[in-house]
C-alpha atoms as a PDB file:
ATOM      1  CA  MET A   1     -20.669  16.779  61.482  1.00  0.00           C
ATOM      2  CA  SER A   2     -18.486  19.279  59.607  1.00  0.00           C
ATOM      3  CA  ILE A   3     -14.743  19.008  59.051  1.00  0.00           C
ATOM      4  CA  THR A   4     -14.164  21.852  61.536  1.00  0.00           C
ATOM      5  CA  GLN A   5     -16.199  20.082  64.212  1.00  0.00           C
ATOM      6  CA  LEU A   6     -14.382  16.827  63.538  1.00  0.00           C
ATOM      7  CA  PHE A   7     -11.009  18.521  63.960  1.00  0.00           C
ATOM      8  CA  ALA A   8     -12.174  20.151  67.182  1.00  0.00           C
ATOM      9  CA  THR A   9     -13.465  16.877  68.610  1.00  0.00           C
ATOM     10  CA  TYR A  10     -11.081  14.296  67.186  1.00  0.00           C
ATOM     11  CA  GLY A  11      -8.035  16.355  66.182  1.00  0.00           C
ATOM     12  CA  GLU A  12      -5.808  14.674  68.748  1.00  0.00           C
ATOM     13  CA  LYS A  13      -6.924  11.212  67.639  1.00  0.00           C
ATOM     14  CA  TYR A  14      -6.280  12.115  63.992  1.00  0.00           C
ATOM     15  CA  LEU A  15      -2.775  13.237  64.902  1.00  0.00           C
ATOM     16  CA  MET A  16      -2.171   9.986  66.767  1.00  0.00           C
ATOM     17  CA  ALA A  17      -3.561   7.997  63.812  1.00  0.00           C
ATOM     18  CA  LEU A  18      -1.254   9.886  61.435  1.00  0.00           C
ATOM     19  CA  LEU A  19       1.759   9.069  63.610  1.00  0.00           C
ATOM     20  CA  VAL A  20       0.734   5.390  63.739  1.00  0.00           C
ATOM     21  CA  THR A  21       0.431   5.347  59.939  1.00  0.00           C
ATOM     22  CA  TRP A  22       3.866   6.949  59.576  1.00  0.00           C
ATOM     23  CA  LYS A  23       5.392   4.492  62.041  1.00  0.00           C
ATOM     24  CA  LEU A  24       3.873   1.508  60.262  1.00  0.00           C
ATOM     25  CA  THR A  25       4.856   2.869  56.857  1.00  0.00           C
ATOM     26  CA  PHE A  26       8.523   3.464  57.567  1.00  0.00           C
ATOM     27  CA  SER A  27       8.935   0.351  59.723  1.00  0.00           C
ATOM     28  CA  SER A  28       7.314  -1.829  57.056  1.00  0.00           C
ATOM     29  CA  PHE A  29       9.328  -0.232  54.269  1.00  0.00           C
ATOM     30  CA  ALA A  30      12.619  -0.666  56.149  1.00  0.00           C
ATOM     31  CA  ILE A  31      11.884  -4.365  56.677  1.00  0.00           C
ATOM     32  CA  ALA A  32      10.649  -4.781  53.091  1.00  0.00           C
ATOM     33  CA  PHE A  33      13.764  -3.072  51.742  1.00  0.00           C
ATOM     34  CA  ALA A  34      16.084  -5.320  53.771  1.00  0.00           C
ATOM     35  CA  ILE A  35      14.223  -8.441  52.618  1.00  0.00           C
ATOM     36  CA  GLY A  36      14.100  -7.135  49.051  1.00  0.00           C
ATOM     37  CA  VAL A  37      17.865  -6.627  48.937  1.00  0.00           C
ATOM     38  CA  ALA A  38      18.485 -10.121  50.353  1.00  0.00           C
ATOM     39  CA  VAL A  39      16.062 -11.725  47.888  1.00  0.00           C
ATOM     40  CA  THR A  40      17.584  -9.802  44.978  1.00  0.00           C
ATOM     41  CA  ILE A  41      21.069 -11.012  45.868  1.00  0.00           C
ATOM     42  CA  GLN A  42      19.701 -14.562  45.935  1.00  0.00           C
ATOM     43  CA  ARG A  43      18.087 -14.053  42.513  1.00  0.00           C
ATOM     44  CA  ILE A  44      21.416 -13.144  40.917  1.00  0.00           C
ATOM     45  CA  SER A  45      23.392 -15.694  42.912  1.00  0.00           C
ATOM     46  CA  PRO A  46      25.337 -18.396  41.041  1.00  0.00           C
ATOM     47  CA  ILE A  47      23.792 -20.989  43.393  1.00  0.00           C
ATOM     48  CA  SER A  48      20.730 -22.546  41.772  1.00  0.00           C
ATOM     49  CA  ILE A  49      18.818 -23.405  44.986  1.00  0.00           C
ATOM     50  CA  LEU A  50      19.086 -19.798  46.185  1.00  0.00           C
ATOM     51  CA  ARG A  51      17.735 -18.480  42.891  1.00  0.00           C
ATOM     52  CA  LYS A  52      14.830 -20.925  42.954  1.00  0.00           C
ATOM     53  CA  THR A  53      13.977 -20.088  46.580  1.00  0.00           C
ATOM     54  CA  ALA A  54      14.045 -16.352  45.857  1.00  0.00           C
ATOM     55  CA  ASN A  55      11.867 -16.726  42.761  1.00  0.00           C
ATOM     56  CA  LEU A  56       9.385 -18.828  44.752  1.00  0.00           C
ATOM     57  CA  TYR A  57       9.184 -16.056  47.361  1.00  0.00           C
ATOM     58  CA  ILE A  58       8.513 -13.505  44.612  1.00  0.00           C
ATOM     59  CA  GLN A  59       5.788 -15.594  43.012  1.00  0.00           C
ATOM     60  CA  ILE A  60       4.016 -16.147  46.334  1.00  0.00           C
ATOM     61  CA  PHE A  61       4.099 -12.697  47.884  1.00  0.00           C
ATOM     62  CA  ARG A  62       3.697 -10.735  44.661  1.00  0.00           C
ATOM     63  CA  ASN A  63       0.374 -12.466  44.049  1.00  0.00           C
ATOM     64  CA  ILE A  64      -1.181 -12.860  47.506  1.00  0.00           C
ATOM     65  CA  PRO A  65      -3.740 -10.255  48.684  1.00  0.00           C
ATOM     66  CA  GLY A  66      -2.636  -8.330  51.765  1.00  0.00           C
ATOM     67  CA  ALA A  67      -5.952  -8.942  53.524  1.00  0.00           C
ATOM     68  CA  ALA A  68      -5.610 -12.703  52.993  1.00  0.00           C
ATOM     69  CA  LEU A  69      -2.105 -12.701  54.446  1.00  0.00           C
ATOM     70  CA  LEU A  70      -3.288 -10.695  57.457  1.00  0.00           C
ATOM     71  CA  ILE A  71      -6.151 -13.150  58.052  1.00  0.00           C
ATOM     72  CA  VAL A  72      -3.677 -16.047  58.049  1.00  0.00           C
ATOM     73  CA  LEU A  73      -1.397 -14.272  60.523  1.00  0.00           C
ATOM     74  CA  VAL A  74      -4.184 -13.204  62.886  1.00  0.00           C
ATOM     75  CA  TYR A  75      -6.578 -16.141  62.763  1.00  0.00           C
ATOM     76  CA  ALA A  76      -4.691 -19.178  61.404  1.00  0.00           C
ATOM     77  CA  LEU A  77      -1.365 -19.021  63.253  1.00  0.00           C
ATOM     78  CA  PRO A  78      -3.002 -19.353  66.718  1.00  0.00           C
ATOM     79  CA  TYR A  79      -4.087 -22.867  65.684  1.00  0.00           C
ATOM     80  CA  LEU A  80      -0.360 -23.631  65.400  1.00  0.00           C
ATOM     81  CA  ASP A  81       0.207 -22.158  68.861  1.00  0.00           C
ATOM     82  CA  ILE A  82       1.816 -19.060  67.321  1.00  0.00           C
ATOM     83  CA  VAL A  83       0.153 -15.967  68.738  1.00  0.00           C
ATOM     84  CA  LEU A  84       1.429 -12.581  67.586  1.00  0.00           C
ATOM     85  CA  SER A  85       0.242  -9.128  68.570  1.00  0.00           C
ATOM     86  CA  TYR A  86      -2.025  -7.312  66.115  1.00  0.00           C
ATOM     87  CA  TYR A  87       0.683  -4.736  65.453  1.00  0.00           C
ATOM     88  CA  ILE A  88       3.255  -7.406  64.569  1.00  0.00           C
ATOM     89  CA  CYS A  89       0.746  -9.154  62.296  1.00  0.00           C
ATOM     90  CA  VAL A  90       0.080  -5.909  60.421  1.00  0.00           C
ATOM     91  CA  LEU A  91       3.810  -5.167  60.249  1.00  0.00           C
ATOM     92  CA  ILE A  92       4.555  -8.591  58.755  1.00  0.00           C
ATOM     93  CA  ALA A  93       1.705  -8.372  56.238  1.00  0.00           C
ATOM     94  CA  THR A  94       2.760  -4.900  55.109  1.00  0.00           C
ATOM     95  CA  SER A  95       6.430  -5.921  54.800  1.00  0.00           C
ATOM     96  CA  LEU A  96       6.474  -9.301  53.050  1.00  0.00           C
ATOM     97  CA  ILE A  97       4.384  -8.188  50.073  1.00  0.00           C
ATOM     98  CA  PRO A  98       6.250  -4.903  49.319  1.00  0.00           C
ATOM     99  CA  ALA A  99       9.528  -6.818  49.677  1.00  0.00           C
ATOM    100  CA  ALA A 100       8.650  -8.857  46.570  1.00  0.00           C
ATOM    101  CA  PHE A 101       8.061  -5.701  44.531  1.00  0.00           C
ATOM    102  CA  CYS A 102      11.191  -4.109  45.996  1.00  0.00           C
ATOM    103  CA  SER A 103      13.211  -7.030  44.663  1.00  0.00           C
ATOM    104  CA  ASP A 104      11.686  -6.609  41.204  1.00  0.00           C
ATOM    105  CA  TYR A 105      12.559  -2.906  41.154  1.00  0.00           C
ATOM    106  CA  LEU A 106      16.122  -3.578  42.266  1.00  0.00           C
ATOM    107  CA  LEU A 107      16.492  -6.306  39.657  1.00  0.00           C
ATOM    108  CA  SER A 108      15.351  -3.830  37.007  1.00  0.00           C
ATOM    109  CA  GLY A 109      18.017  -1.435  38.276  1.00  0.00           C
ATOM    110  CA  ILE A 110      20.623  -4.186  38.064  1.00  0.00           C
ATOM    111  CA  ASN A 111      19.667  -4.824  34.447  1.00  0.00           C
ATOM    112  CA  THR A 112      20.735  -1.256  33.591  1.00  0.00           C
ATOM    113  CA  ILE A 113      24.357  -2.037  34.552  1.00  0.00           C
ATOM    114  CA  LYS A 114      26.601  -2.648  31.560  1.00  0.00           C
ATOM    115  CA  PRO A 115      27.948  -6.241  31.475  1.00  0.00           C
ATOM    116  CA  GLY A 116      31.435  -4.898  30.849  1.00  0.00           C
ATOM    117  CA  GLN A 117      31.602  -3.568  34.400  1.00  0.00           C
ATOM    118  CA  ILE A 118      30.910  -7.006  35.837  1.00  0.00           C
ATOM    119  CA  GLU A 119      33.418  -8.641  33.499  1.00  0.00           C
ATOM    120  CA  ALA A 120      36.068  -6.092  34.454  1.00  0.00           C
ATOM    121  CA  ALA A 121      35.460  -6.762  38.152  1.00  0.00           C
ATOM    122  CA  ARG A 122      35.801 -10.510  37.594  1.00  0.00           C
ATOM    123  CA  ALA A 123      39.013  -9.943  35.669  1.00  0.00           C
ATOM    124  CA  LEU A 124      40.360  -8.029  38.677  1.00  0.00           C
ATOM    125  CA  GLY A 125      39.584 -10.999  40.918  1.00  0.00           C
ATOM    126  CA  PHE A 126      36.526  -9.619  42.705  1.00  0.00           C
ATOM    127  CA  SER A 127      34.380 -12.230  44.452  1.00  0.00           C
ATOM    128  CA  PHE A 128      30.612 -12.400  43.899  1.00  0.00           C
ATOM    129  CA  PHE A 129      29.865 -10.522  47.123  1.00  0.00           C
ATOM    130  CA  LYS A 130      32.442  -7.817  46.363  1.00  0.00           C
ATOM    131  CA  ILE A 131      30.915  -7.303  42.931  1.00  0.00           C
ATOM    132  CA  VAL A 132      27.438  -7.046  44.483  1.00  0.00           C
ATOM    133  CA  ARG A 133      28.574  -4.706  47.246  1.00  0.00           C
ATOM    134  CA  HIS A 134      30.787  -2.337  45.266  1.00  0.00           C
ATOM    135  CA  ILE A 135      29.302  -2.395  41.768  1.00  0.00           C
ATOM    136  CA  VAL A 136      25.845  -3.931  41.535  1.00  0.00           C
ATOM    137  CA  LEU A 137      23.891  -2.627  44.526  1.00  0.00           C
ATOM    138  CA  PRO A 138      25.114   1.007  44.465  1.00  0.00           C
ATOM    139  CA  GLN A 139      24.134   1.416  40.816  1.00  0.00           C
ATOM    140  CA  ALA A 140      20.902  -0.554  41.194  1.00  0.00           C
ATOM    141  CA  LEU A 141      19.828   1.674  44.074  1.00  0.00           C
ATOM    142  CA  ARG A 142      20.619   4.850  42.146  1.00  0.00           C
ATOM    143  CA  ALA A 143      18.581   3.596  39.196  1.00  0.00           C
ATOM    144  CA  SER A 144      15.642   2.542  41.394  1.00  0.00           C
ATOM    145  CA  VAL A 145      15.002   5.677  43.465  1.00  0.00           C
ATOM    146  CA  LEU A 146      11.713   6.614  41.789  1.00  0.00           C
ATOM    147  CA  PRO A 147      10.267   3.063  41.778  1.00  0.00           C
ATOM    148  CA  LEU A 148      11.241   2.680  45.447  1.00  0.00           C
ATOM    149  CA  THR A 149       9.626   6.050  46.200  1.00  0.00           C
ATOM    150  CA  ASN A 150       6.405   4.793  44.641  1.00  0.00           C
ATOM    151  CA  LEU A 151       6.769   1.591  46.647  1.00  0.00           C
ATOM    152  CA  LEU A 152       7.051   3.617  49.859  1.00  0.00           C
ATOM    153  CA  ILE A 153       3.802   5.411  48.999  1.00  0.00           C
ATOM    154  CA  ALA A 154       2.154   2.080  48.152  1.00  0.00           C
ATOM    155  CA  THR A 155       3.356   0.668  51.468  1.00  0.00           C
ATOM    156  CA  MET A 156       1.734   3.611  53.268  1.00  0.00           C
ATOM    157  CA  LEU A 157      -1.570   2.851  51.543  1.00  0.00           C
ATOM    158  CA  THR A 158      -1.192  -0.841  52.384  1.00  0.00           C
ATOM    159  CA  THR A 159      -1.023   0.022  56.098  1.00  0.00           C
ATOM    160  CA  ALA A 160      -4.766   0.634  55.850  1.00  0.00           C
ATOM    161  CA  LEU A 161      -4.938  -3.115  56.542  1.00  0.00           C
ATOM    162  CA  ALA A 162      -4.440  -2.148  60.183  1.00  0.00           C
ATOM    163  CA  SER A 163      -8.072  -1.024  60.235  1.00  0.00           C
ATOM    164  CA  GLN A 164      -9.109  -4.688  59.900  1.00  0.00           C
ATOM    165  CA  VAL A 165      -7.808  -5.578  63.362  1.00  0.00           C
ATOM    166  CA  PRO A 166      -8.470  -3.933  66.748  1.00  0.00           C
ATOM    167  CA  LEU A 167      -5.235  -1.948  66.719  1.00  0.00           C
ATOM    168  CA  ASN A 168      -4.915   0.664  69.444  1.00  0.00           C
ATOM    169  CA  PRO A 169      -4.239   3.456  68.640  1.00  0.00           C
ATOM    170  CA  GLN A 170      -5.761   3.251  65.180  1.00  0.00           C
ATOM    171  CA  ASP A 171      -4.248   4.219  61.854  1.00  0.00           C
ATOM    172  CA  LEU A 172      -5.764   6.812  59.486  1.00  0.00           C
ATOM    173  CA  THR A 173      -8.283   4.330  58.094  1.00  0.00           C
ATOM    174  CA  GLY A 174      -9.123   2.829  61.463  1.00  0.00           C
ATOM    175  CA  ILE A 175      -9.860   6.237  62.986  1.00  0.00           C
ATOM    176  CA  VAL A 176     -12.630   6.743  60.414  1.00  0.00           C
ATOM    177  CA  ASP A 177     -14.326   3.540  61.590  1.00  0.00           C
ATOM    178  CA  TYR A 178     -13.876   4.672  65.186  1.00  0.00           C
ATOM    179  CA  ILE A 179     -15.469   8.076  64.538  1.00  0.00           C
ATOM    180  CA  ASN A 180     -18.399   6.683  62.581  1.00  0.00           C
ATOM    181  CA  THR A 181     -18.981   4.112  65.325  1.00  0.00           C
ATOM    182  CA  HIS A 182     -19.002   6.669  68.146  1.00  0.00           C
ATOM    183  CA  ASP A 183     -20.364   9.696  66.282  1.00  0.00           C
ATOM    184  CA  THR A 184     -21.779  10.871  62.961  1.00  0.00           C
ATOM    185  CA  GLY A 185     -18.628  11.674  61.073  1.00  0.00           C
ATOM    186  CA  GLY A 186     -20.016  10.835  57.672  1.00  0.00           C
ATOM    187  CA  ILE A 187     -18.027  11.573  54.539  1.00  0.00           C
ATOM    188  CA  ALA A 188     -16.082  14.352  56.293  1.00  0.00           C
ATOM    189  CA  ALA A 189     -14.229  11.776  58.395  1.00  0.00           C
ATOM    190  CA  PHE A 190     -13.075  10.027  55.215  1.00  0.00           C
ATOM    191  CA  ILE A 191     -12.060  13.332  53.588  1.00  0.00           C
ATOM    192  CA  ILE A 192      -9.750  14.252  56.473  1.00  0.00           C
ATOM    193  CA  SER A 193      -7.999  10.884  56.373  1.00  0.00           C
ATOM    194  CA  ALA A 194      -7.735  11.054  52.570  1.00  0.00           C
ATOM    195  CA  LEU A 195      -6.172  14.519  52.761  1.00  0.00           C
ATOM    196  CA  LEU A 196      -3.620  13.329  55.320  1.00  0.00           C
ATOM    197  CA  TYR A 197      -2.747  10.335  53.116  1.00  0.00           C
ATOM    198  CA  CYS A 198      -2.408  12.628  50.087  1.00  0.00           C
ATOM    199  CA  ALA A 199      -0.274  15.179  51.954  1.00  0.00           C
ATOM    200  CA  THR A 200       2.095  12.447  53.141  1.00  0.00           C
ATOM    201  CA  ALA A 201       2.307  10.926  49.650  1.00  0.00           C
ATOM    202  CA  ILE A 202       3.096  14.325  48.090  1.00  0.00           C
ATOM    203  CA  VAL A 203       5.899  14.962  50.594  1.00  0.00           C
ATOM    204  CA  ILE A 204       7.363  11.498  49.989  1.00  0.00           C
ATOM    205  CA  GLY A 205       7.133  12.019  46.234  1.00  0.00           C
ATOM    206  CA  GLN A 206       8.894  15.391  46.375  1.00  0.00           C
ATOM    207  CA  ILE A 207      11.707  14.005  48.528  1.00  0.00           C
ATOM    208  CA  GLY A 208      12.074  11.019  46.185  1.00  0.00           C
ATOM    209  CA  ASN A 209      12.297  13.309  43.139  1.00  0.00           C
ATOM    210  CA  LYS A 210      15.031  15.398  44.763  1.00  0.00           C
ATOM    211  CA  ILE A 211      17.040  12.316  45.708  1.00  0.00           C
ATOM    212  CA  ASP A 212      16.636  10.925  42.185  1.00  0.00           C
ATOM    213  CA  LYS A 213      17.965  14.134  40.612  1.00  0.00           C
ATOM    214  CA  LYS A 214      21.033  14.030  42.850  1.00  0.00           C
ATOM    215  CA  VAL A 215      21.958  10.376  42.381  1.00  0.00           C
ATOM    216  CA  ARG A 216      20.620   9.639  38.893  1.00  0.00           C
ATOM    217  CA  ILE A 217      23.155   7.958  36.630  1.00  0.00           C
ATOM    218  CA  VAL A 218      23.504   9.930  33.398  1.00  0.00           C
ATOM    219  CA  ARG A 219      24.263   7.559  30.535  1.00  0.00           C
END
């Protein structure tokens, strides 16, 4: 089946799959970003137990395969009487892992801040949370735009895990399995999904570059 025939037959399903991928991507990234910020604050906290807990989280979720985490959520949790929908399982799996990398990128951004700024804030009587809120995080975010843009693209690619569970409607990878199960899509079905992934990644990359140019800290 040609690409034109695939579009004519499954165009609506491809559009729905693209929207599902976008929804998963931005939902997962928003959750990962929130967790990443919280973990990063713990990592620079003066409280030892918080730093150790945050570092343990990083070591676990930075090194666990996404597919393995999804298998645990879908097939192991029911034995503990915890049953989650397939969508929630995919959302959790595609959020917890990027959150660990998000924290690393933010920590790298924090390391670009001159120590004198922190010392000056302490001399003015700023508390830890005021220093983080007004000095550390704003500069760390400005220095981490491009790494976070790449993380957003990586998160989009990670959502392909959704194809491993019977998610309805499917994502861009799942729709390929659906087409090849019900028809003879062949390599053309993969090409369409790949082009949609690439187009989305290019748009995200361009937006990230523009934001970086506007907020970049010139030193």
